[in-house]
N, C-alpha and C. Protein backbone atom coordinates (compact mmCIF):
# COMPACT_ATOMS: atom_id res chain seq x y z
N MET A 1 1.36 13.88 -10.16
CA MET A 1 0.90 13.37 -8.99
C MET A 1 0.22 14.56 -8.01
N ARG A 2 -1.05 14.48 -7.71
CA ARG A 2 -1.52 15.75 -6.87
C ARG A 2 -1.10 15.42 -5.25
N GLU A 3 -0.93 16.51 -4.71
CA GLU A 3 -0.54 16.45 -3.27
C GLU A 3 -1.97 16.35 -2.54
N ASN A 4 -1.77 15.57 -1.37
CA ASN A 4 -3.03 15.55 -0.53
C ASN A 4 -2.44 15.36 0.93
N ASN A 5 -3.29 15.51 1.93
CA ASN A 5 -2.83 15.31 3.39
C ASN A 5 -3.02 14.21 3.97
N HIS A 6 -3.27 13.07 3.14
CA HIS A 6 -3.92 11.74 3.66
C HIS A 6 -2.67 10.62 3.56
N ASP A 7 -2.21 10.77 2.35
CA ASP A 7 -1.36 9.64 1.91
C ASP A 7 0.24 9.80 2.63
N ASN A 8 0.68 8.80 3.08
CA ASN A 8 2.07 8.72 3.69
C ASN A 8 3.07 9.24 2.55
N PRO A 9 3.80 10.28 3.00
CA PRO A 9 4.90 10.89 2.05
C PRO A 9 6.01 10.00 1.86
N LYS A 10 6.10 9.01 2.90
CA LYS A 10 7.35 8.13 2.77
C LYS A 10 6.73 6.82 2.96
N PRO A 11 6.06 6.03 1.96
CA PRO A 11 5.55 4.80 2.22
C PRO A 11 6.70 3.87 2.25
N PRO A 12 6.38 2.65 2.79
CA PRO A 12 7.39 1.57 2.92
C PRO A 12 8.09 1.06 1.82
N SER A 13 9.36 0.51 1.70
CA SER A 13 9.90 0.02 0.41
C SER A 13 9.44 -1.38 0.26
N LYS A 14 9.86 -1.88 -0.98
CA LYS A 14 9.29 -3.29 -1.23
C LYS A 14 10.18 -4.26 -0.36
N SER A 15 11.26 -3.86 0.23
CA SER A 15 12.08 -4.75 0.86
C SER A 15 11.51 -4.97 2.40
N GLU A 16 10.64 -3.89 2.77
CA GLU A 16 10.07 -4.00 4.06
C GLU A 16 8.74 -4.76 3.92
N ILE A 17 8.29 -5.19 2.77
CA ILE A 17 6.88 -5.72 2.61
C ILE A 17 6.89 -7.26 2.22
N LYS A 18 6.50 -8.00 2.98
CA LYS A 18 6.58 -9.57 2.60
C LYS A 18 5.10 -10.17 2.60
N PRO A 19 4.98 -11.28 1.82
CA PRO A 19 3.68 -11.97 2.06
C PRO A 19 3.55 -12.34 3.48
N GLY A 20 2.12 -12.22 3.85
CA GLY A 20 2.03 -12.20 5.45
C GLY A 20 2.04 -10.98 6.22
N SER A 21 2.57 -9.98 5.72
CA SER A 21 2.76 -8.53 6.37
C SER A 21 1.31 -7.99 6.52
N ALA A 22 1.06 -7.45 7.65
CA ALA A 22 -0.21 -6.69 8.09
C ALA A 22 0.18 -5.35 7.51
N VAL A 23 -0.80 -4.79 6.74
CA VAL A 23 -0.55 -3.27 6.03
C VAL A 23 -1.87 -2.55 6.10
N TRP A 24 -1.61 -1.17 5.69
CA TRP A 24 -2.72 -0.45 5.33
C TRP A 24 -2.49 -0.07 4.01
N VAL A 25 -3.55 -0.16 3.07
CA VAL A 25 -3.45 0.18 1.75
C VAL A 25 -4.29 1.12 1.23
N ILE A 26 -4.11 1.67 0.18
CA ILE A 26 -5.17 2.68 -0.43
C ILE A 26 -5.32 2.24 -1.81
N GLU A 27 -6.63 2.04 -2.23
CA GLU A 27 -7.09 1.49 -3.42
C GLU A 27 -7.15 2.71 -4.56
N LYS A 28 -6.93 2.26 -5.72
CA LYS A 28 -6.60 3.38 -6.81
C LYS A 28 -7.91 4.47 -6.77
N GLU A 29 -9.01 3.83 -6.69
CA GLU A 29 -10.27 4.73 -6.78
C GLU A 29 -10.42 5.69 -5.32
N ASN A 30 -9.49 5.36 -4.47
CA ASN A 30 -9.65 6.24 -3.20
C ASN A 30 -8.40 7.03 -2.96
N TYR A 31 -7.59 7.06 -4.05
CA TYR A 31 -6.29 8.09 -3.83
C TYR A 31 -6.71 9.49 -3.54
N GLY A 32 -5.95 10.05 -2.81
CA GLY A 32 -6.56 11.52 -2.29
C GLY A 32 -7.63 11.74 -1.21
N THR A 33 -7.97 10.39 -0.62
CA THR A 33 -8.84 10.42 0.40
C THR A 33 -8.18 9.59 1.67
N ASP A 34 -9.07 9.65 2.68
CA ASP A 34 -8.46 8.78 3.86
C ASP A 34 -9.22 7.58 4.03
N LYS A 35 -9.65 6.98 2.85
CA LYS A 35 -10.28 5.52 2.87
C LYS A 35 -9.31 4.45 2.65
N TYR A 36 -8.61 4.12 3.74
CA TYR A 36 -7.44 3.10 3.74
C TYR A 36 -8.42 1.72 4.20
N LYS A 37 -7.55 0.78 3.94
CA LYS A 37 -8.03 -0.58 4.15
C LYS A 37 -6.81 -1.48 4.85
N GLN A 38 -7.20 -2.02 5.89
CA GLN A 38 -6.06 -2.82 6.61
C GLN A 38 -6.23 -4.27 6.03
N GLY A 39 -5.18 -4.97 6.00
CA GLY A 39 -5.20 -6.32 5.40
C GLY A 39 -3.79 -7.13 5.49
N ILE A 40 -3.86 -8.27 5.10
CA ILE A 40 -2.75 -9.22 5.20
C ILE A 40 -2.11 -9.25 3.61
N VAL A 41 -0.90 -9.14 3.38
CA VAL A 41 -0.39 -9.26 2.13
C VAL A 41 -0.30 -10.77 1.60
N LYS A 42 -0.98 -10.89 0.37
CA LYS A 42 -0.87 -12.16 -0.21
C LYS A 42 0.30 -12.15 -1.32
N ASP A 43 0.38 -11.20 -2.26
CA ASP A 43 1.15 -11.13 -3.14
C ASP A 43 1.79 -9.72 -3.27
N VAL A 44 3.07 -9.35 -3.56
CA VAL A 44 3.86 -8.13 -3.76
C VAL A 44 3.62 -8.17 -5.24
N LEU A 45 3.10 -7.11 -5.99
CA LEU A 45 2.78 -6.88 -7.32
C LEU A 45 3.81 -5.94 -8.09
N SER A 46 4.30 -5.02 -7.35
CA SER A 46 5.19 -3.91 -7.92
C SER A 46 6.56 -4.52 -8.41
N PRO A 47 7.02 -4.25 -9.51
CA PRO A 47 8.28 -4.87 -9.96
C PRO A 47 9.40 -4.10 -9.36
N GLY A 48 9.26 -2.80 -9.12
CA GLY A 48 10.44 -2.06 -8.59
C GLY A 48 10.52 -2.01 -6.93
N GLY A 49 11.59 -1.47 -6.46
CA GLY A 49 11.72 -1.38 -5.08
C GLY A 49 11.07 -0.34 -4.49
N LEU A 50 10.60 0.78 -5.18
CA LEU A 50 10.14 1.85 -4.59
C LEU A 50 9.13 2.60 -5.63
N HIS A 51 7.98 3.01 -4.94
CA HIS A 51 6.87 3.86 -5.83
C HIS A 51 6.56 5.00 -4.90
N PRO A 52 6.36 6.23 -5.77
CA PRO A 52 6.01 7.39 -4.75
C PRO A 52 4.66 7.13 -4.08
N ARG A 53 3.82 6.39 -4.43
CA ARG A 53 2.47 6.26 -3.98
C ARG A 53 2.54 4.87 -3.04
N GLY A 54 3.43 4.02 -3.16
CA GLY A 54 3.48 3.02 -2.40
C GLY A 54 3.67 1.72 -3.29
N ILE A 55 3.98 0.73 -2.69
CA ILE A 55 4.40 -0.63 -3.44
C ILE A 55 2.92 -1.18 -3.57
N LYS A 56 2.49 -1.89 -4.71
CA LYS A 56 1.36 -2.47 -4.97
C LYS A 56 1.45 -3.78 -4.75
N VAL A 57 0.16 -4.18 -3.74
CA VAL A 57 0.03 -5.63 -3.27
C VAL A 57 -1.46 -6.12 -3.54
N ARG A 58 -1.55 -7.30 -3.52
CA ARG A 58 -2.71 -7.89 -3.43
C ARG A 58 -2.99 -8.49 -1.90
N LEU A 59 -3.99 -8.18 -1.46
CA LEU A 59 -4.26 -8.67 -0.01
C LEU A 59 -5.12 -9.85 -0.16
N MET A 60 -5.08 -10.57 1.11
CA MET A 60 -5.74 -12.08 1.18
C MET A 60 -7.21 -12.01 0.58
N ASP A 61 -7.92 -10.93 0.87
CA ASP A 61 -9.20 -10.78 0.42
C ASP A 61 -9.44 -10.61 -0.99
N GLY A 62 -8.20 -10.44 -1.91
CA GLY A 62 -8.21 -9.87 -3.18
C GLY A 62 -8.22 -8.44 -3.55
N THR A 63 -8.11 -7.54 -2.58
CA THR A 63 -8.06 -6.22 -2.79
C THR A 63 -6.69 -5.78 -3.29
N ILE A 64 -6.57 -5.10 -4.22
CA ILE A 64 -5.16 -4.56 -4.78
C ILE A 64 -5.18 -3.03 -4.30
N GLY A 65 -4.04 -2.69 -3.79
CA GLY A 65 -3.88 -1.34 -3.37
C GLY A 65 -2.28 -1.09 -3.01
N ARG A 66 -2.07 0.08 -2.93
CA ARG A 66 -0.71 0.44 -2.60
C ARG A 66 -0.59 0.62 -1.01
N VAL A 67 0.61 0.05 -0.55
CA VAL A 67 0.88 0.15 0.85
C VAL A 67 1.34 1.51 1.25
N GLN A 68 0.58 2.03 2.21
CA GLN A 68 0.78 3.18 2.94
C GLN A 68 1.54 3.09 4.32
N TRP A 69 1.32 2.27 5.01
CA TRP A 69 1.90 1.85 6.24
C TRP A 69 1.81 0.48 6.68
N LEU A 70 2.71 0.08 7.33
CA LEU A 70 2.93 -1.20 7.94
C LEU A 70 2.14 -1.45 9.16
N ALA A 71 1.30 -2.23 9.32
CA ALA A 71 0.37 -2.36 10.72
C ALA A 71 1.27 -3.16 11.79
N GLU A 72 0.84 -2.72 12.84
CA GLU A 72 1.58 -3.22 14.11
C GLU A 72 1.08 -4.65 14.27
């Protein structure tokens, strides 16, 4: 995994992310950039409790990405 100055080095764990949560995600094609997308979690897709790039989710609009931050 290459290092960058954009991704959260300590993304939220699966236990912190629930359907209905407001989050900021990074899509796979945007890894290493600052092109984040905000949305509401529809489904949590990652089977494990933690992933170095973030837990994979599907947003309400169908976007699939890894959670970098929980939104306020």
